[in-house]
């Protein structure tokens, strides 16, 4: 499922993705994406894997205070895109032809497409040589709030039920930080 395009690369590990406000053309709006959702961004060098850590909804204040809702379309016909929604994505790794890397070797570019990862993709990213790896956990636990990290752990657990004991331990460790 497509969620939008990268509009800003804040740091090597933090990206802003603009999403549609409403459902259209196969895109999922920001309101339909939960924190901790795994995201894949198609970059020139490969894929950047990240986790949704925040949502931002904004309105161009120049237009709204002066026009009632019924007249906005009449007086501003070409400015109907006055609402914007963004998702903040924290990068956790990359995927190239050689396989997954749990460190960031490259960032996405502006306008690179972001998509929600399917359970099979989450599983493939976390399984390296048949063994589960969450090598990014420590770095991510320092970068995001514990509640978001718990959501990411739950999403990984749904994609990889055979890793439940390890993920349960990570979740307990994270819950202690709440």
C-alpha atoms as a PDB file:
ATOM      1  CA  UNK A   1       0.000   0.000   0.000  1.00  0.00           C
ATOM      2  CA  UNK A   2       1.405   3.345  -1.043  1.00  0.00           C
ATOM      3  CA  UNK A   3       1.417   6.081   1.587  1.00  0.00           C
ATOM      4  CA  UNK A   4       3.175   8.974  -0.123  1.00  0.00           C
ATOM      5  CA  UNK A   5       6.460  10.527  -1.166  1.00  0.00           C
ATOM      6  CA  UNK A   6       9.457  11.775   0.781  1.00  0.00           C
ATOM      7  CA  UNK A   7       9.415  15.584   0.964  1.00  0.00           C
ATOM      8  CA  UNK A   8      12.172  16.135   3.519  1.00  0.00           C
ATOM      9  CA  UNK A   9      15.229  14.279   4.802  1.00  0.00           C
ATOM     10  CA  UNK A  10      15.784  15.835   8.243  1.00  0.00           C
ATOM     11  CA  UNK A  11      18.714  13.681   9.289  1.00  0.00           C
ATOM     12  CA  UNK A  12      20.364  10.500   8.098  1.00  0.00           C
ATOM     13  CA  UNK A  13      17.679   8.546   9.968  1.00  0.00           C
ATOM     14  CA  UNK A  14      14.587  10.798   9.937  1.00  0.00           C
ATOM     15  CA  UNK A  15      12.397  11.457   6.903  1.00  0.00           C
ATOM     16  CA  UNK A  16       9.114  13.268   6.312  1.00  0.00           C
ATOM     17  CA  UNK A  17       6.613  11.656   3.928  1.00  0.00           C
ATOM     18  CA  UNK A  18       3.717  13.681   2.536  1.00  0.00           C
ATOM     19  CA  UNK A  19       0.527  11.643   2.457  1.00  0.00           C
ATOM     20  CA  UNK A  20      -2.887  12.399   0.993  1.00  0.00           C
ATOM     21  CA  UNK A  21      -5.437  13.747   3.433  1.00  0.00           C
ATOM     22  CA  UNK A  22      -8.152  11.489   2.001  1.00  0.00           C
ATOM     23  CA  UNK A  23      -8.041   8.103   0.265  1.00  0.00           C
ATOM     24  CA  UNK A  24      -7.241   8.479  -3.426  1.00  0.00           C
ATOM     25  CA  UNK A  25      -5.452   6.630  -6.222  1.00  0.00           C
ATOM     26  CA  UNK A  26      -4.512   3.686  -4.025  1.00  0.00           C
ATOM     27  CA  UNK A  27      -2.806   5.784  -1.349  1.00  0.00           C
ATOM     28  CA  UNK A  28      -3.559   5.310   2.330  1.00  0.00           C
ATOM     29  CA  UNK A  29      -4.085   8.592   4.234  1.00  0.00           C
ATOM     30  CA  UNK A  30      -1.949   9.411   7.263  1.00  0.00           C
ATOM     31  CA  UNK A  31      -4.933   8.821   9.537  1.00  0.00           C
ATOM     32  CA  UNK A  32      -4.934   5.171   8.415  1.00  0.00           C
ATOM     33  CA  UNK A  33      -1.313   4.537   9.427  1.00  0.00           C
ATOM     34  CA  UNK A  34      -0.560   3.587  13.042  1.00  0.00           C
ATOM     35  CA  UNK A  35       2.655   4.416  14.888  1.00  0.00           C
ATOM     36  CA  UNK A  36       5.185   1.600  14.674  1.00  0.00           C
ATOM     37  CA  UNK A  37       4.137   0.653  11.138  1.00  0.00           C
ATOM     38  CA  UNK A  38       7.018  -0.706   9.064  1.00  0.00           C
ATOM     39  CA  UNK A  39       7.619   1.294   5.876  1.00  0.00           C
ATOM     40  CA  UNK A  40       9.756   0.650   2.808  1.00  0.00           C
ATOM     41  CA  UNK A  41      11.021   3.628   0.802  1.00  0.00           C
ATOM     42  CA  UNK A  42      12.248   2.870  -2.707  1.00  0.00           C
ATOM     43  CA  UNK A  43      15.518   4.773  -3.119  1.00  0.00           C
ATOM     44  CA  UNK A  44      17.962   4.803  -6.014  1.00  0.00           C
ATOM     45  CA  UNK A  45      20.478   2.570  -4.181  1.00  0.00           C
ATOM     46  CA  UNK A  46      17.899   0.086  -2.852  1.00  0.00           C
ATOM     47  CA  UNK A  47      15.236   0.302  -0.169  1.00  0.00           C
ATOM     48  CA  UNK A  48      15.282   2.223   3.088  1.00  0.00           C
ATOM     49  CA  UNK A  49      13.362   0.454   5.857  1.00  0.00           C
ATOM     50  CA  UNK A  50      11.819   2.586   8.565  1.00  0.00           C
ATOM     51  CA  UNK A  51       9.138   2.848  11.204  1.00  0.00           C
ATOM     52  CA  UNK A  52       6.412   5.492  11.378  1.00  0.00           C
ATOM     53  CA  UNK A  53       7.063   7.498  14.527  1.00  0.00           C
ATOM     54  CA  UNK A  54       4.812  10.543  14.205  1.00  0.00           C
ATOM     55  CA  UNK A  55       2.015  12.166  12.194  1.00  0.00           C
ATOM     56  CA  UNK A  56       1.649  15.845  11.387  1.00  0.00           C
ATOM     57  CA  UNK A  57      -1.569  17.417  10.095  1.00  0.00           C
ATOM     58  CA  UNK A  58      -1.525  21.067   9.087  1.00  0.00           C
ATOM     59  CA  UNK A  59      -3.707  23.665   7.415  1.00  0.00           C
ATOM     60  CA  UNK A  60      -2.613  26.736   5.473  1.00  0.00           C
ATOM     61  CA  UNK A  61      -3.804  29.320   7.956  1.00  0.00           C
ATOM     62  CA  UNK A  62      -3.779  32.065   5.335  1.00  0.00           C
ATOM     63  CA  UNK A  63      -6.976  30.685   3.800  1.00  0.00           C
ATOM     64  CA  UNK A  64      -9.134  29.168   6.489  1.00  0.00           C
ATOM     65  CA  UNK A  65      -9.807  31.962   9.002  1.00  0.00           C
ATOM     66  CA  UNK A  66     -11.263  34.217   6.318  1.00  0.00           C
ATOM     67  CA  UNK A  67     -13.507  31.913   4.325  1.00  0.00           C
ATOM     68  CA  UNK A  68     -16.416  29.791   5.501  1.00  0.00           C
ATOM     69  CA  UNK A  69     -16.233  26.182   4.329  1.00  0.00           C
ATOM     70  CA  UNK A  70     -18.907  26.554   1.641  1.00  0.00           C
ATOM     71  CA  UNK A  71     -17.126  29.474  -0.027  1.00  0.00           C
ATOM     72  CA  UNK A  72     -13.593  28.064  -0.036  1.00  0.00           C
ATOM     73  CA  UNK A  73     -14.151  26.185  -3.302  1.00  0.00           C
ATOM     74  CA  UNK A  74     -15.768  29.223  -4.972  1.00  0.00           C
ATOM     75  CA  UNK A  75     -13.115  31.791  -4.111  1.00  0.00           C
ATOM     76  CA  UNK A  76     -10.069  29.508  -4.056  1.00  0.00           C
ATOM     77  CA  UNK A  77     -10.782  26.933  -6.782  1.00  0.00           C
ATOM     78  CA  UNK A  78      -7.116  26.125  -7.406  1.00  0.00           C
ATOM     79  CA  UNK A  79      -6.106  26.110  -3.767  1.00  0.00           C
ATOM     80  CA  UNK A  80      -8.176  23.141  -2.659  1.00  0.00           C
ATOM     81  CA  UNK A  81      -5.013  21.481  -1.372  1.00  0.00           C
ATOM     82  CA  UNK A  82      -4.909  23.663   1.728  1.00  0.00           C
ATOM     83  CA  UNK A  83      -4.694  20.669   4.085  1.00  0.00           C
ATOM     84  CA  UNK A  84      -1.530  18.627   4.417  1.00  0.00           C
ATOM     85  CA  UNK A  85      -0.665  15.423   6.238  1.00  0.00           C
ATOM     86  CA  UNK A  86       2.802  14.101   6.861  1.00  0.00           C
ATOM     87  CA  UNK A  87       4.307  11.023   8.479  1.00  0.00           C
ATOM     88  CA  UNK A  88       7.674  11.094  10.200  1.00  0.00           C
ATOM     89  CA  UNK A  89       9.635   7.919   9.466  1.00  0.00           C
ATOM     90  CA  UNK A  90      12.702   6.823  11.435  1.00  0.00           C
ATOM     91  CA  UNK A  91      15.084   4.733   9.344  1.00  0.00           C
ATOM     92  CA  UNK A  92      16.277   1.408  10.778  1.00  0.00           C
ATOM     93  CA  UNK A  93      18.129  -0.199   7.874  1.00  0.00           C
ATOM     94  CA  UNK A  94      18.596  -0.745   4.167  1.00  0.00           C
ATOM     95  CA  UNK A  95      17.925  -3.564   1.742  1.00  0.00           C
ATOM     96  CA  UNK A  96      20.079  -4.011  -1.346  1.00  0.00           C
ATOM     97  CA  UNK A  97      20.845  -6.940  -3.624  1.00  0.00           C
ATOM     98  CA  UNK A  98      23.208  -8.355  -0.987  1.00  0.00           C
ATOM     99  CA  UNK A  99      20.349  -8.487   1.520  1.00  0.00           C
ATOM    100  CA  UNK A 100      19.281  -6.528   4.595  1.00  0.00           C
ATOM    101  CA  UNK A 101      21.586  -4.270   6.599  1.00  0.00           C
ATOM    102  CA  UNK A 102      20.522  -3.137  10.072  1.00  0.00           C
ATOM    103  CA  UNK A 103      22.360   0.152   9.771  1.00  0.00           C
ATOM    104  CA  UNK A 104      21.730   3.031   7.404  1.00  0.00           C
ATOM    105  CA  UNK A 105      24.133   3.138   4.480  1.00  0.00           C
ATOM    106  CA  UNK A 106      22.094   5.557   2.364  1.00  0.00           C
ATOM    107  CA  UNK A 107      19.020   7.761   2.680  1.00  0.00           C
ATOM    108  CA  UNK A 108      16.003   8.172   0.442  1.00  0.00           C
ATOM    109  CA  UNK A 109      15.796  11.047  -1.999  1.00  0.00           C
ATOM    110  CA  UNK A 110      13.093  13.645  -2.365  1.00  0.00           C
ATOM    111  CA  UNK A 111       9.972  12.205  -4.073  1.00  0.00           C
ATOM    112  CA  UNK A 112      10.964   8.582  -3.364  1.00  0.00           C
ATOM    113  CA  UNK A 113       7.835   6.459  -2.878  1.00  0.00           C
ATOM    114  CA  UNK A 114       7.007   5.127   0.599  1.00  0.00           C
ATOM    115  CA  UNK A 115       4.891   2.003   1.070  1.00  0.00           C
ATOM    116  CA  UNK A 116       3.593   0.027   4.035  1.00  0.00           C
ATOM    117  CA  UNK A 117       5.508  -3.248   4.316  1.00  0.00           C
ATOM    118  CA  UNK A 118       3.611  -6.507   4.019  1.00  0.00           C
ATOM    119  CA  UNK A 119       4.179  -9.194   6.713  1.00  0.00           C
ATOM    120  CA  UNK A 120       6.356 -11.217   4.301  1.00  0.00           C
ATOM    121  CA  UNK A 121       8.587  -8.163   3.726  1.00  0.00           C
ATOM    122  CA  UNK A 122       8.885  -7.515   7.474  1.00  0.00           C
ATOM    123  CA  UNK A 123       9.838 -11.144   7.942  1.00  0.00           C
ATOM    124  CA  UNK A 124      12.411 -11.070   5.115  1.00  0.00           C
ATOM    125  CA  UNK A 125      14.024  -7.930   6.550  1.00  0.00           C
ATOM    126  CA  UNK A 126      14.374  -9.437  10.029  1.00  0.00           C
ATOM    127  CA  UNK A 127      15.555 -12.900   8.968  1.00  0.00           C
ATOM    128  CA  UNK A 128      19.195 -13.000   7.931  1.00  0.00           C
ATOM    129  CA  UNK A 129      20.653 -16.432   7.152  1.00  0.00           C
ATOM    130  CA  UNK A 130      17.579 -18.008   8.751  1.00  0.00           C
ATOM    131  CA  UNK A 131      18.084 -16.224  12.085  1.00  0.00           C
ATOM    132  CA  UNK A 132      15.987 -13.382  13.418  1.00  0.00           C
ATOM    133  CA  UNK A 133      17.813 -10.111  13.974  1.00  0.00           C
ATOM    134  CA  UNK A 134      16.707  -6.914  15.689  1.00  0.00           C
ATOM    135  CA  UNK A 135      20.148  -5.299  15.622  1.00  0.00           C
ATOM    136  CA  UNK A 136      18.537  -1.866  15.285  1.00  0.00           C
ATOM    137  CA  UNK A 137      16.636  -2.171  18.598  1.00  0.00           C
ATOM    138  CA  UNK A 138      19.088  -0.259  20.815  1.00  0.00           C
ATOM    139  CA  UNK A 139      19.472   2.608  18.343  1.00  0.00           C
ATOM    140  CA  UNK A 140      15.719   2.811  17.788  1.00  0.00           C
ATOM    141  CA  UNK A 141      14.930   2.657  21.518  1.00  0.00           C
ATOM    142  CA  UNK A 142      17.055   5.777  21.993  1.00  0.00           C
ATOM    143  CA  UNK A 143      15.424   7.622  19.086  1.00  0.00           C
ATOM    144  CA  UNK A 144      11.681   7.017  19.591  1.00  0.00           C
ATOM    145  CA  UNK A 145       9.265   6.917  22.487  1.00  0.00           C
ATOM    146  CA  UNK A 146       8.629   3.513  24.119  1.00  0.00           C
ATOM    147  CA  UNK A 147       4.945   3.361  23.084  1.00  0.00           C
ATOM    148  CA  UNK A 148       5.872   3.621  19.391  1.00  0.00           C
ATOM    149  CA  UNK A 149       8.587   1.007  19.819  1.00  0.00           C
ATOM    150  CA  UNK A 150       6.088  -1.362  21.476  1.00  0.00           C
ATOM    151  CA  UNK A 151       3.772  -0.958  18.460  1.00  0.00           C
ATOM    152  CA  UNK A 152       6.682  -1.818  16.136  1.00  0.00           C
ATOM    153  CA  UNK A 153       7.504  -4.910  18.212  1.00  0.00           C
ATOM    154  CA  UNK A 154       3.849  -5.998  18.061  1.00  0.00           C
ATOM    155  CA  UNK A 155       3.848  -5.565  14.260  1.00  0.00           C
ATOM    156  CA  UNK A 156       7.010  -7.673  13.983  1.00  0.00           C
ATOM    157  CA  UNK A 157       5.458 -10.338  16.252  1.00  0.00           C
ATOM    158  CA  UNK A 158       2.417 -10.607  13.967  1.00  0.00           C
ATOM    159  CA  UNK A 159       4.713 -11.080  10.961  1.00  0.00           C
ATOM    160  CA  UNK A 160       6.981 -13.617  12.732  1.00  0.00           C
ATOM    161  CA  UNK A 161       5.072 -15.679  15.304  1.00  0.00           C
ATOM    162  CA  UNK A 162       8.022 -18.085  15.679  1.00  0.00           C
ATOM    163  CA  UNK A 163      10.043 -15.218  17.213  1.00  0.00           C
ATOM    164  CA  UNK A 164       7.434 -14.565  19.922  1.00  0.00           C
ATOM    165  CA  UNK A 165       9.687 -15.380  22.933  1.00  0.00           C
ATOM    166  CA  UNK A 166      12.432 -12.993  21.818  1.00  0.00           C
ATOM    167  CA  UNK A 167       9.944 -10.259  20.918  1.00  0.00           C
ATOM    168  CA  UNK A 168       8.108 -10.713  24.206  1.00  0.00           C
ATOM    169  CA  UNK A 169      11.401 -10.116  26.044  1.00  0.00           C
ATOM    170  CA  UNK A 170      12.095  -6.979  23.986  1.00  0.00           C
ATOM    171  CA  UNK A 171       8.578  -5.749  24.684  1.00  0.00           C
ATOM    172  CA  UNK A 172       8.980  -6.269  28.457  1.00  0.00           C
ATOM    173  CA  UNK A 173      12.293  -4.404  28.370  1.00  0.00           C
ATOM    174  CA  UNK A 174      10.647  -1.543  26.487  1.00  0.00           C
ATOM    175  CA  UNK A 175       7.616  -1.445  28.808  1.00  0.00           C
ATOM    176  CA  UNK A 176       9.952  -0.810  31.747  1.00  0.00           C
ATOM    177  CA  UNK A 177      10.837   2.513  30.109  1.00  0.00           C
ATOM    178  CA  UNK A 178       7.199   3.698  30.097  1.00  0.00           C
END
